[in-house]
Amino acid sequence: MNKIISFALVFFLGLAIIGCKGKKNGTGESVQSALPKVIVDSTYKAGLSTITVDSSGISGNTLRLYVNYSGGCKKHDIDLIWTGIMAKSLPPQLPMALRHNNHGDACRQVVSEFREFDLSPLKSNGYKTMVLNIQGYRVTYQPTP
């Protein structure tokens, strides 16, 4: 009888651990995967930016940027792009750009908002500290496990 109770206890404890592995959103995806990730694109050529970074913050592997751009009539897509280039410095510096698609929005209202990005693709570089240069705005990133 004790073996059955022990097995049942271990079985249900295992289910509880697996079930609590991560928070889920309404679509069943984990919350972290819902954030747009840094896009590594060695062919990207940054042009004149139509978006300004006012401030930033990092929590874990999530970068939070407060940005401004012109628009207000349509949804805008903003991607964080890294070409894979690193400046030879300690800590290494990664030049990055914000790719902005306004989908033809001709409105001229100044939109100010927070945008978040998952920085976890940068963890594979193996550095404990990196400086992200996002269109002239610098932020220090220390990847977390």
N, C-alpha and C. Protein backbone atom coordinates (compact mmCIF):
# COMPACT_ATOMS: atom_id res chain seq x y z
N MET A 1 0.82 -1.19 0.00
CA MET A 1 0.00 0.00 0.00
C MET A 1 0.86 1.25 0.00
N ASN A 2 1.97 1.26 0.77
CA ASN A 2 2.85 2.42 0.82
C ASN A 2 3.49 2.69 -0.54
N LYS A 3 3.78 1.62 -1.32
CA LYS A 3 4.37 1.80 -2.65
C LYS A 3 3.39 2.50 -3.58
N ILE A 4 2.12 2.17 -3.50
CA ILE A 4 1.11 2.79 -4.34
C ILE A 4 0.96 4.27 -3.99
N ILE A 5 0.92 4.57 -2.71
CA ILE A 5 0.80 5.96 -2.27
C ILE A 5 2.04 6.75 -2.69
N SER A 6 3.24 6.17 -2.52
CA SER A 6 4.48 6.85 -2.91
C SER A 6 4.50 7.09 -4.41
N PHE A 7 4.10 6.09 -5.22
CA PHE A 7 4.07 6.24 -6.67
C PHE A 7 3.10 7.35 -7.07
N ALA A 8 1.90 7.35 -6.47
CA ALA A 8 0.90 8.36 -6.79
C ALA A 8 1.40 9.75 -6.42
N LEU A 9 2.04 9.86 -5.27
CA LEU A 9 2.57 11.15 -4.83
C LEU A 9 3.63 11.66 -5.81
N VAL A 10 4.57 10.79 -6.20
CA VAL A 10 5.62 11.18 -7.15
C VAL A 10 5.00 11.53 -8.50
N PHE A 11 4.03 10.74 -8.96
CA PHE A 11 3.37 10.98 -10.24
C PHE A 11 2.69 12.36 -10.27
N PHE A 12 1.90 12.66 -9.25
CA PHE A 12 1.19 13.94 -9.23
C PHE A 12 2.13 15.12 -9.00
N LEU A 13 3.19 14.92 -8.24
CA LEU A 13 4.19 15.97 -8.05
C LEU A 13 4.87 16.28 -9.38
N GLY A 14 5.19 15.23 -10.14
CA GLY A 14 5.79 15.41 -11.47
C GLY A 14 4.87 16.17 -12.40
N LEU A 15 3.59 15.85 -12.40
CA LEU A 15 2.62 16.57 -13.23
C LEU A 15 2.53 18.04 -12.82
N ALA A 16 2.59 18.30 -11.53
CA ALA A 16 2.52 19.67 -11.06
C ALA A 16 3.73 20.46 -11.52
N ILE A 17 4.91 19.86 -11.47
CA ILE A 17 6.13 20.54 -11.91
C ILE A 17 6.07 20.82 -13.40
N ILE A 18 5.68 19.84 -14.20
CA ILE A 18 5.58 20.02 -15.64
C ILE A 18 4.53 21.07 -15.98
N GLY A 19 3.40 21.04 -15.29
CA GLY A 19 2.32 21.99 -15.56
C GLY A 19 2.67 23.41 -15.19
N CYS A 20 3.60 23.60 -14.24
CA CYS A 20 3.97 24.94 -13.80
C CYS A 20 5.26 25.42 -14.43
N LYS A 21 5.67 24.81 -15.51
CA LYS A 21 6.96 25.13 -16.12
C LYS A 21 7.03 26.56 -16.61
N GLY A 22 5.98 27.14 -17.10
CA GLY A 22 6.01 28.53 -17.58
C GLY A 22 4.62 29.08 -17.68
N LYS A 23 4.50 30.40 -17.63
CA LYS A 23 3.21 31.03 -17.79
C LYS A 23 2.79 30.95 -19.24
N LYS A 24 1.51 30.79 -19.46
CA LYS A 24 0.98 30.69 -20.82
C LYS A 24 0.04 31.85 -21.07
N ASN A 25 0.00 32.29 -22.34
CA ASN A 25 -0.99 33.29 -22.69
C ASN A 25 -2.21 32.57 -23.26
N GLY A 26 -3.17 33.29 -23.79
CA GLY A 26 -4.41 32.70 -24.29
C GLY A 26 -4.23 31.74 -25.45
N THR A 27 -3.13 31.83 -26.19
CA THR A 27 -2.91 30.95 -27.33
C THR A 27 -2.12 29.70 -26.97
N GLY A 28 -1.72 29.58 -25.72
CA GLY A 28 -0.95 28.41 -25.30
C GLY A 28 0.56 28.62 -25.42
N GLU A 29 1.01 29.76 -25.98
CA GLU A 29 2.44 30.04 -26.06
C GLU A 29 2.92 30.56 -24.72
N SER A 30 4.21 30.36 -24.43
CA SER A 30 4.73 30.93 -23.20
C SER A 30 4.79 32.44 -23.37
N VAL A 31 4.69 33.16 -22.26
CA VAL A 31 4.65 34.62 -22.31
C VAL A 31 5.94 35.17 -22.91
N GLN A 32 7.11 34.61 -22.55
CA GLN A 32 8.38 35.10 -23.06
C GLN A 32 8.44 34.99 -24.58
N SER A 33 7.92 33.91 -25.16
CA SER A 33 8.00 33.74 -26.60
C SER A 33 7.06 34.70 -27.34
N ALA A 34 6.15 35.36 -26.60
CA ALA A 34 5.25 36.31 -27.24
C ALA A 34 5.96 37.60 -27.61
N LEU A 35 7.11 37.87 -26.99
CA LEU A 35 7.86 39.08 -27.31
C LEU A 35 8.60 38.90 -28.62
N PRO A 36 8.70 39.96 -29.42
CA PRO A 36 9.52 39.85 -30.63
C PRO A 36 10.98 39.69 -30.23
N LYS A 37 11.68 38.80 -30.90
CA LYS A 37 13.09 38.55 -30.63
C LYS A 37 13.96 39.46 -31.48
N VAL A 38 15.20 39.63 -31.03
CA VAL A 38 16.19 40.32 -31.85
C VAL A 38 16.32 39.53 -33.15
N ILE A 39 16.30 40.22 -34.27
CA ILE A 39 16.45 39.57 -35.57
C ILE A 39 17.91 39.71 -36.00
N VAL A 40 18.56 38.58 -36.26
CA VAL A 40 19.93 38.61 -36.75
C VAL A 40 19.87 38.54 -38.26
N ASP A 41 20.29 39.63 -38.92
CA ASP A 41 20.22 39.73 -40.37
C ASP A 41 21.49 40.39 -40.89
N SER A 42 22.41 39.59 -41.41
CA SER A 42 23.70 40.11 -41.86
C SER A 42 23.57 40.95 -43.13
N THR A 43 22.42 40.92 -43.79
CA THR A 43 22.23 41.68 -45.03
C THR A 43 21.56 43.03 -44.80
N TYR A 44 21.11 43.29 -43.56
CA TYR A 44 20.36 44.52 -43.29
C TYR A 44 21.27 45.75 -43.38
N LYS A 45 20.80 46.75 -44.10
CA LYS A 45 21.50 48.03 -44.23
C LYS A 45 20.61 49.10 -43.61
N ALA A 46 21.06 49.63 -42.48
CA ALA A 46 20.28 50.65 -41.78
C ALA A 46 20.31 51.95 -42.56
N GLY A 47 19.16 52.56 -42.69
CA GLY A 47 19.05 53.85 -43.36
C GLY A 47 18.73 54.93 -42.34
N LEU A 48 18.27 56.05 -42.83
CA LEU A 48 17.86 57.14 -41.96
C LEU A 48 16.66 56.68 -41.14
N SER A 49 16.75 56.80 -39.84
CA SER A 49 15.71 56.28 -38.97
C SER A 49 14.53 57.23 -38.84
N THR A 50 13.34 56.67 -38.78
CA THR A 50 12.13 57.44 -38.56
C THR A 50 11.60 57.21 -37.14
N ILE A 51 12.46 56.67 -36.29
CA ILE A 51 12.06 56.36 -34.92
C ILE A 51 13.17 56.80 -33.98
N THR A 52 12.79 57.31 -32.82
CA THR A 52 13.75 57.81 -31.84
C THR A 52 13.61 57.02 -30.55
N VAL A 53 14.73 56.68 -29.93
CA VAL A 53 14.74 56.01 -28.63
C VAL A 53 14.94 57.09 -27.56
N ASP A 54 14.02 57.17 -26.60
CA ASP A 54 14.14 58.14 -25.52
C ASP A 54 14.74 57.55 -24.25
N SER A 55 14.39 56.30 -23.95
CA SER A 55 14.93 55.66 -22.76
C SER A 55 14.83 54.15 -22.93
N SER A 56 15.51 53.46 -22.03
CA SER A 56 15.50 52.00 -22.12
C SER A 56 15.66 51.40 -20.74
N GLY A 57 15.37 50.12 -20.66
CA GLY A 57 15.57 49.35 -19.45
C GLY A 57 15.66 47.89 -19.82
N ILE A 58 16.38 47.13 -19.01
CA ILE A 58 16.49 45.69 -19.25
C ILE A 58 16.10 44.97 -17.98
N SER A 59 15.25 43.97 -18.13
CA SER A 59 14.87 43.10 -17.03
C SER A 59 15.08 41.67 -17.51
N GLY A 60 16.05 40.99 -16.93
CA GLY A 60 16.38 39.65 -17.40
C GLY A 60 16.91 39.72 -18.82
N ASN A 61 16.23 39.06 -19.75
CA ASN A 61 16.61 39.07 -21.16
C ASN A 61 15.64 39.89 -22.01
N THR A 62 14.88 40.78 -21.36
CA THR A 62 13.90 41.61 -22.05
C THR A 62 14.36 43.06 -22.08
N LEU A 63 14.48 43.60 -23.28
CA LEU A 63 14.82 45.01 -23.48
C LEU A 63 13.51 45.78 -23.64
N ARG A 64 13.39 46.86 -22.89
CA ARG A 64 12.20 47.71 -22.99
C ARG A 64 12.65 49.09 -23.45
N LEU A 65 12.18 49.50 -24.63
CA LEU A 65 12.53 50.80 -25.20
C LEU A 65 11.31 51.71 -25.19
N TYR A 66 11.53 52.97 -24.82
CA TYR A 66 10.50 53.99 -24.95
C TYR A 66 10.83 54.75 -26.23
N VAL A 67 9.98 54.64 -27.23
CA VAL A 67 10.26 55.17 -28.57
C VAL A 67 9.23 56.22 -28.97
N ASN A 68 9.64 57.05 -29.94
CA ASN A 68 8.77 58.06 -30.55
C ASN A 68 8.84 57.92 -32.05
N TYR A 69 7.69 58.08 -32.70
CA TYR A 69 7.65 58.09 -34.16
C TYR A 69 6.40 58.84 -34.61
N SER A 70 6.35 59.19 -35.87
CA SER A 70 5.23 59.91 -36.43
C SER A 70 4.21 58.92 -36.99
N GLY A 71 2.94 59.15 -36.74
CA GLY A 71 1.89 58.26 -37.22
C GLY A 71 0.62 58.46 -36.44
N GLY A 72 0.02 57.37 -36.00
CA GLY A 72 -1.16 57.45 -35.17
C GLY A 72 -2.44 56.92 -35.80
N CYS A 73 -2.42 56.61 -37.10
CA CYS A 73 -3.64 56.13 -37.77
C CYS A 73 -3.61 54.62 -38.04
N LYS A 74 -2.43 54.01 -38.04
CA LYS A 74 -2.30 52.58 -38.30
C LYS A 74 -1.31 51.97 -37.31
N LYS A 75 -1.38 50.65 -37.21
CA LYS A 75 -0.43 49.92 -36.37
C LYS A 75 0.93 49.90 -37.06
N HIS A 76 1.98 50.17 -36.31
CA HIS A 76 3.34 50.17 -36.84
C HIS A 76 4.09 48.94 -36.33
N ASP A 77 4.91 48.34 -37.20
CA ASP A 77 5.77 47.23 -36.80
C ASP A 77 7.18 47.77 -36.59
N ILE A 78 7.78 47.38 -35.47
CA ILE A 78 9.15 47.80 -35.16
C ILE A 78 9.93 46.54 -34.81
N ASP A 79 11.03 46.32 -35.54
CA ASP A 79 11.91 45.18 -35.29
C ASP A 79 13.26 45.68 -34.82
N LEU A 80 13.88 44.92 -33.92
CA LEU A 80 15.23 45.20 -33.47
C LEU A 80 16.16 44.30 -34.28
N ILE A 81 17.06 44.92 -35.06
CA ILE A 81 17.92 44.18 -35.98
C ILE A 81 19.37 44.27 -35.52
N TRP A 82 20.06 43.13 -35.58
CA TRP A 82 21.50 43.07 -35.35
C TRP A 82 22.12 42.36 -36.54
N THR A 83 23.16 42.94 -37.12
CA THR A 83 23.78 42.37 -38.32
C THR A 83 24.77 41.25 -38.00
N GLY A 84 25.03 41.00 -36.74
CA GLY A 84 26.00 39.97 -36.35
C GLY A 84 27.39 40.52 -36.15
N ILE A 85 27.58 41.81 -36.38
CA ILE A 85 28.89 42.44 -36.21
C ILE A 85 29.07 42.85 -34.75
N MET A 86 30.31 42.63 -34.23
CA MET A 86 30.67 43.06 -32.88
C MET A 86 31.94 43.88 -32.96
N ALA A 87 31.95 45.03 -32.28
CA ALA A 87 33.18 45.82 -32.20
C ALA A 87 34.15 45.09 -31.28
N LYS A 88 35.42 45.11 -31.64
CA LYS A 88 36.45 44.44 -30.84
C LYS A 88 36.79 45.32 -29.64
N SER A 89 36.01 45.18 -28.61
CA SER A 89 36.22 45.93 -27.38
C SER A 89 35.75 45.06 -26.23
N LEU A 90 36.08 45.46 -25.03
CA LEU A 90 35.60 44.74 -23.85
C LEU A 90 34.83 45.72 -23.00
N PRO A 91 33.57 45.53 -22.74
CA PRO A 91 32.74 44.47 -23.34
C PRO A 91 32.50 44.75 -24.82
N PRO A 92 32.13 43.71 -25.57
CA PRO A 92 31.89 43.92 -27.00
C PRO A 92 30.68 44.83 -27.22
N GLN A 93 30.74 45.60 -28.29
CA GLN A 93 29.66 46.50 -28.65
C GLN A 93 28.97 45.97 -29.89
N LEU A 94 27.65 45.91 -29.85
CA LEU A 94 26.85 45.39 -30.95
C LEU A 94 26.04 46.52 -31.56
N PRO A 95 26.37 46.94 -32.79
CA PRO A 95 25.55 47.96 -33.45
C PRO A 95 24.21 47.36 -33.86
N MET A 96 23.15 48.06 -33.51
CA MET A 96 21.79 47.57 -33.78
C MET A 96 20.96 48.70 -34.38
N ALA A 97 19.86 48.32 -35.00
CA ALA A 97 18.97 49.31 -35.60
C ALA A 97 17.52 48.90 -35.38
N LEU A 98 16.64 49.89 -35.39
CA LEU A 98 15.21 49.63 -35.34
C LEU A 98 14.66 49.75 -36.75
N ARG A 99 14.11 48.66 -37.25
CA ARG A 99 13.46 48.67 -38.56
C ARG A 99 12.00 49.01 -38.33
N HIS A 100 11.54 50.05 -39.00
CA HIS A 100 10.21 50.60 -38.75
C HIS A 100 9.36 50.50 -40.01
N ASN A 101 8.25 49.79 -39.91
CA ASN A 101 7.30 49.70 -41.01
C ASN A 101 6.02 50.39 -40.56
N ASN A 102 5.71 51.53 -41.19
CA ASN A 102 4.52 52.28 -40.79
C ASN A 102 3.27 51.88 -41.58
N HIS A 103 3.40 50.94 -42.50
CA HIS A 103 2.28 50.44 -43.31
C HIS A 103 1.52 51.56 -44.01
N GLY A 104 2.27 52.59 -44.46
CA GLY A 104 1.65 53.68 -45.21
C GLY A 104 0.92 54.71 -44.36
N ASP A 105 1.15 54.71 -43.06
CA ASP A 105 0.49 55.66 -42.16
C ASP A 105 1.02 57.07 -42.44
N ALA A 106 0.16 57.95 -42.97
CA ALA A 106 0.56 59.32 -43.31
C ALA A 106 0.21 60.32 -42.21
N CYS A 107 -0.36 59.84 -41.11
CA CYS A 107 -0.71 60.76 -40.02
C CYS A 107 0.56 61.33 -39.39
N ARG A 108 0.44 62.49 -38.78
CA ARG A 108 1.61 63.19 -38.27
C ARG A 108 1.61 63.34 -36.74
N GLN A 109 0.78 62.60 -36.07
CA GLN A 109 0.77 62.64 -34.62
C GLN A 109 2.05 62.00 -34.10
N VAL A 110 2.63 62.56 -33.03
CA VAL A 110 3.81 61.94 -32.42
C VAL A 110 3.32 60.84 -31.49
N VAL A 111 3.73 59.61 -31.80
CA VAL A 111 3.35 58.45 -30.99
C VAL A 111 4.53 58.11 -30.08
N SER A 112 4.27 58.03 -28.78
CA SER A 112 5.27 57.64 -27.80
C SER A 112 4.78 56.39 -27.10
N GLU A 113 5.61 55.35 -27.10
CA GLU A 113 5.17 54.10 -26.50
C GLU A 113 6.36 53.23 -26.13
N PHE A 114 6.09 52.23 -25.29
CA PHE A 114 7.09 51.24 -24.94
C PHE A 114 7.01 50.09 -25.93
N ARG A 115 8.16 49.59 -26.34
CA ARG A 115 8.27 48.37 -27.14
C ARG A 115 9.25 47.46 -26.44
N GLU A 116 8.92 46.16 -26.37
CA GLU A 116 9.78 45.18 -25.71
C GLU A 116 10.31 44.17 -26.70
N PHE A 117 11.55 43.72 -26.44
CA PHE A 117 12.22 42.76 -27.32
C PHE A 117 12.93 41.70 -26.47
N ASP A 118 12.86 40.47 -26.92
CA ASP A 118 13.54 39.35 -26.28
C ASP A 118 14.99 39.32 -26.78
N LEU A 119 15.93 39.51 -25.87
CA LEU A 119 17.35 39.53 -26.22
C LEU A 119 18.02 38.16 -26.15
N SER A 120 17.27 37.11 -25.83
CA SER A 120 17.89 35.80 -25.61
C SER A 120 18.69 35.28 -26.81
N PRO A 121 18.39 35.65 -28.08
CA PRO A 121 19.27 35.18 -29.16
C PRO A 121 20.72 35.67 -29.03
N LEU A 122 20.94 36.73 -28.27
CA LEU A 122 22.30 37.25 -28.10
C LEU A 122 23.10 36.45 -27.07
N LYS A 123 22.43 35.63 -26.27
CA LYS A 123 23.13 34.86 -25.23
C LYS A 123 24.14 33.90 -25.81
N SER A 124 23.92 33.43 -27.03
CA SER A 124 24.81 32.43 -27.62
C SER A 124 26.20 32.98 -27.92
N ASN A 125 26.39 34.30 -27.80
CA ASN A 125 27.71 34.89 -28.03
C ASN A 125 28.70 34.50 -26.95
N GLY A 126 28.21 34.11 -25.78
CA GLY A 126 29.07 33.68 -24.70
C GLY A 126 29.62 34.79 -23.83
N TYR A 127 29.29 36.03 -24.10
CA TYR A 127 29.78 37.15 -23.29
C TYR A 127 28.86 37.38 -22.11
N LYS A 128 29.46 37.76 -20.98
CA LYS A 128 28.67 38.04 -19.78
C LYS A 128 28.11 39.45 -19.78
N THR A 129 28.74 40.34 -20.57
CA THR A 129 28.27 41.71 -20.69
C THR A 129 28.45 42.16 -22.14
N MET A 130 27.46 42.86 -22.67
CA MET A 130 27.51 43.42 -24.01
C MET A 130 26.92 44.82 -23.97
N VAL A 131 27.44 45.69 -24.84
CA VAL A 131 26.88 47.02 -24.97
C VAL A 131 26.12 47.06 -26.29
N LEU A 132 24.82 47.33 -26.21
CA LEU A 132 23.99 47.42 -27.40
C LEU A 132 23.91 48.88 -27.83
N ASN A 133 24.35 49.16 -29.04
CA ASN A 133 24.28 50.52 -29.60
C ASN A 133 23.08 50.55 -30.55
N ILE A 134 21.97 51.07 -30.05
CA ILE A 134 20.73 51.08 -30.82
C ILE A 134 20.53 52.48 -31.37
N GLN A 135 20.98 52.68 -32.61
CA GLN A 135 20.84 53.98 -33.28
C GLN A 135 21.40 55.10 -32.43
N GLY A 136 22.59 54.89 -31.88
CA GLY A 136 23.24 55.91 -31.07
C GLY A 136 22.87 55.87 -29.60
N TYR A 137 21.90 55.08 -29.22
CA TYR A 137 21.51 54.95 -27.83
C TYR A 137 22.18 53.69 -27.26
N ARG A 138 22.93 53.83 -26.17
CA ARG A 138 23.70 52.71 -25.61
C ARG A 138 23.01 52.13 -24.38
N VAL A 139 22.99 50.80 -24.32
CA VAL A 139 22.44 50.11 -23.16
C VAL A 139 23.29 48.87 -22.90
N THR A 140 23.58 48.61 -21.62
CA THR A 140 24.40 47.46 -21.24
C THR A 140 23.50 46.27 -20.96
N TYR A 141 23.87 45.14 -21.55
CA TYR A 141 23.08 43.91 -21.42
C TYR A 141 23.94 42.82 -20.80
N GLN A 142 23.44 42.22 -19.72
CA GLN A 142 24.07 41.09 -19.08
C GLN A 142 23.07 39.92 -19.13
N PRO A 143 23.29 38.97 -20.06
CA PRO A 143 22.33 37.87 -20.23
C PRO A 143 22.11 37.09 -18.95
N THR A 144 20.87 36.66 -18.75
CA THR A 144 20.54 35.81 -17.61
C THR A 144 20.18 34.43 -18.13
N PRO A 145 20.42 33.41 -17.31
CA PRO A 145 20.12 32.03 -17.75
C PRO A 145 18.65 31.80 -18.02
